[in-house]
């Protein structure tokens, strides 16, 4: 009988096979698994199944009304994920084999890994349980020895049941809240017609509320003027800066005097004055006067930060390198999985197990001998000085749950990318720093008193760098010479003052400053706020106490932020995250409906805390799901029974007047409406919805729209079929209603052509010569057209058909770009195209394709061989964009029509056959005299000139002869010494071969 091992990913299955081969014997490779005398090893590819309501409870598409809500099924069925059905069938077939008598769950150590396996096991059993014993492989590290150690300490099924319950509850709770909440809010917003998709989620919506609340504080912030008095005192040894302060100042007394009885004002401080004349009076009184000096010095220490968990690593990488949380997670996962250089990254622990001291010493020994010259000496220093000792701050079993902190493994990595090296360095430095001694400072507080006014100066001198030595000059500068050190209170080095010496106030000035609003969230600060369920907590120990009550888990926070960005609830502007109008509208709705669970981050943090309790066996699955069901019912009930005309909220009054009567326009929940000259009347009837075609207006856009009576092109609109499109909008007078109304403007050139009305270009400047007939090209409607393609006074019957759109696949084509295309044959590289098929953005140049007789795309040559996924994406974009999408855009048709043209795969194949790229390939591939291989390629296929098809054939002959196809995925090719010089990396996919070979042919 055999044991089936199910890993989460193919790469992990391969690692397990390599680790077990020395102890379990040889494994044979099959299509979907490996097999030895005692083991069968296979893998999922992430989630193979998703939960769904049973058919009788399912909410059919299109029936998004309150009549079908809430949907709370008594149990959940499973549905295969379409993309991975083949892999699921293969794994299930292995699980059902008669010679397989037990299973080992080798999926990632954590909640999601547990869920992936449990759903496969459930699906394989069908109506009745599979009935085969299950054990759990729990891996913290992916080195071969760690894997073998894991097999020696397999966990029992009973031990894992609490984690399995928490995993199922998380999945089912997200389904219940997501499905019911999204449908209920969408139904509410669509009551007056139209379809306004309003997505909510158990964790994503409270996270959004944190960002919206911060933005509301910023918008409501009223800056106040205040003054500081800065002085420079002259001593015998030199000058030093100082700042005035009130030594008698007390926070409580200051707030009481200002009338802040309920909430303290954080802007009140001992060194601030709120009257200019008072500040100026102090400056004038002190200037040129002698001062007495008292000084107090004391030593202080600073400990290194704790080891990294995933969230703190993501915050650090965002702050230092600008990496998104998603990017940092994928890099850390690659360092764990592929390079075996880091321990498991999806952890919320910042401590190590108490028996891990020997492993830590071995890791320091590895680092001391590594090729990292900037870090190896520090590792050697730690070993020579016996820094690696037991410490409850580092080694604490009570702070290690499923996983411990992220640290380097015993395996020194090689071949890291620049980004991987940056993350690896961050982890290694933090790992070493936590064992080094504290940094020691001497802090001096100097008080200079002149004519009764006190001035403070703080000096900070680094006495022993301790752990700061690992970070070098960068960290020392950060703490000893920070920005603004000259202000006297930031910790600069101080010139000495002799005991009893009198100093003189040389220069004294009153500086006028303004209070600042709170900073917008970056990914780093938002991750911190999610960790504290909406509270920004900087202190490491306090944050650790709150981490189980956070929003989401370390493993899911990155995807939550990315989801909010994808759904256009937030925008990235530099490193800042800014909520959109849609986000404010959603929060207004949830607050108006009193759905506190989704509008208050702390309440959802409690749900996450309960899941953590369940993982530890302290809360039952039934109790948790009953609470989620009650929350779901209440949320739907609040939306269903809401009977007021509008939702209360903090709405804008616009400065731009009504275009019809000049009255005041005010915002309400659904619309912008004229409220008459006084702002309190019925108005003239002019109003428009805030979300035309699924895109919510920002207030600034509405102001501009009303002023100019046109706006755009704007992106983010969606047709009734769900296709995205870009368009201009106009405010036009409607003769029927005798009022103004909004319309999409797709251009009116078609109308002129059909009516035969003559077009007059006399007032326009030509953009250049038509590439077809040489006549002048002008703007017309929403296109650029040849003057001979439309009826004009000079030529009533068109004789040319050159025409190209001003907006192509959501990319606006400016006049200067069109001028460049006509003058040089192509535009600059444009970066806002969106494929209608894949809906992904891509970059391309627009170029005149003489063979096809139209404007087409030209893609910039890649600097690097594309990865498999990138190659697929680029191919998808190429097919989608060369299928008549440009033609659709140039006629001024709606996005819906464009979508229909693109959607036909037959048309795509037919159109792609005519592209200039294809023609170019044929031309290059012409045998003629053959192509000369580079020295690297010649070492593999020979030095004689050869045609391109022969190059690929010879490469494949070499690959097969040397058995270089990857054992797990035959589409991947592993490089030997000769191919490494050709490929430039250890592994490529078969799809990259032609592109790589082309770079070695001349």
Foldseek 3Di string as FASTA:
>chain_A
DAEEEEEAALLLLVLLQVLCCVPQNDWDFDQAWIDDPHYIYGYAPAAQKAKAAPPVLHDDPPPLALVSDDRDHPDIDIDTDVVRPVNLVVSLVVLLDPVHQAYEQNYALALRSLQRVVNSQDVSCPPHGSPHFYWYQAAQFSHSVSSVVSVVPIHGPVLQVLSPLLSVLVRVLFCSCFVLVQSLVQNLLQVVHDTFGFTFTLFLLLLLLLQVVQVVLQVPDDKAKKKWKKFWWAFPQGIAIWTFFDPVDDQVVVCVVVVVPPDGDPVDDRRIGRDPVVNVVVQVQAAFFKWWKDKDKDKDWAAADFAAALLLLQLVCCVPPVDFSVRLVVLVVCCRSVFSFKTDRQDPFRAAAQPCLVQLLLQLVLLLPDPPVLQNVLSVVCVVVVLRDDDCSHHPPVRADSHHGMATGSGDGPDDDPVSVVSNLVNHLSSSRNSWDTWMKMKMWMWIAGPRIIIIAIAIGGDGGISCVSVPPVVVCCQAPNPPNSRRYRHYHDRDHDVPTMIGRHHMDMDMDMDHRDDADFSSQSSCCQQQLSDRDDDPVVSSVRRQLGRDGSVCSSVSVVVCVVVQQWDQDSRGIHGFPSSQLVLLVCVLLVLCSSSGSRNSSVLSNVSVCSSVVNDDSVVSVVVSVVSSVSSSVSSVPDDDPFGDDDWDWAPQAFPQQRATWIDTSFKIAGAGNVNPHRGDGDMDTQAPQNRGDGNVQVNVCSVVQKDDQDWDHADPVGFTDTFMKGWDQDPVVRGIDIDTFLFCQVVCQVVLPADDCPVDDFLAADPPPGATWDDHTQKIGGNLCGAHPVHSHRDDNAIWGCAFQNFGQDSNQVSCCRVPFKGPWTWAHAQRVVRHTGIWIWGQDVQVRYIATDHDDDPAQDAPVVVVVVVSSRLRRQQCSRVCSRVSHTVVVSSVSSPDVVSSVVRVCRDVVVVVVVVQQPDVVAWAFAPLLCVQQNGHGGGLVVSLVSVVVSQVVVVQQDSNHSQKGADDPSCCVQNVDGIGGVVRVSVSRVVRID
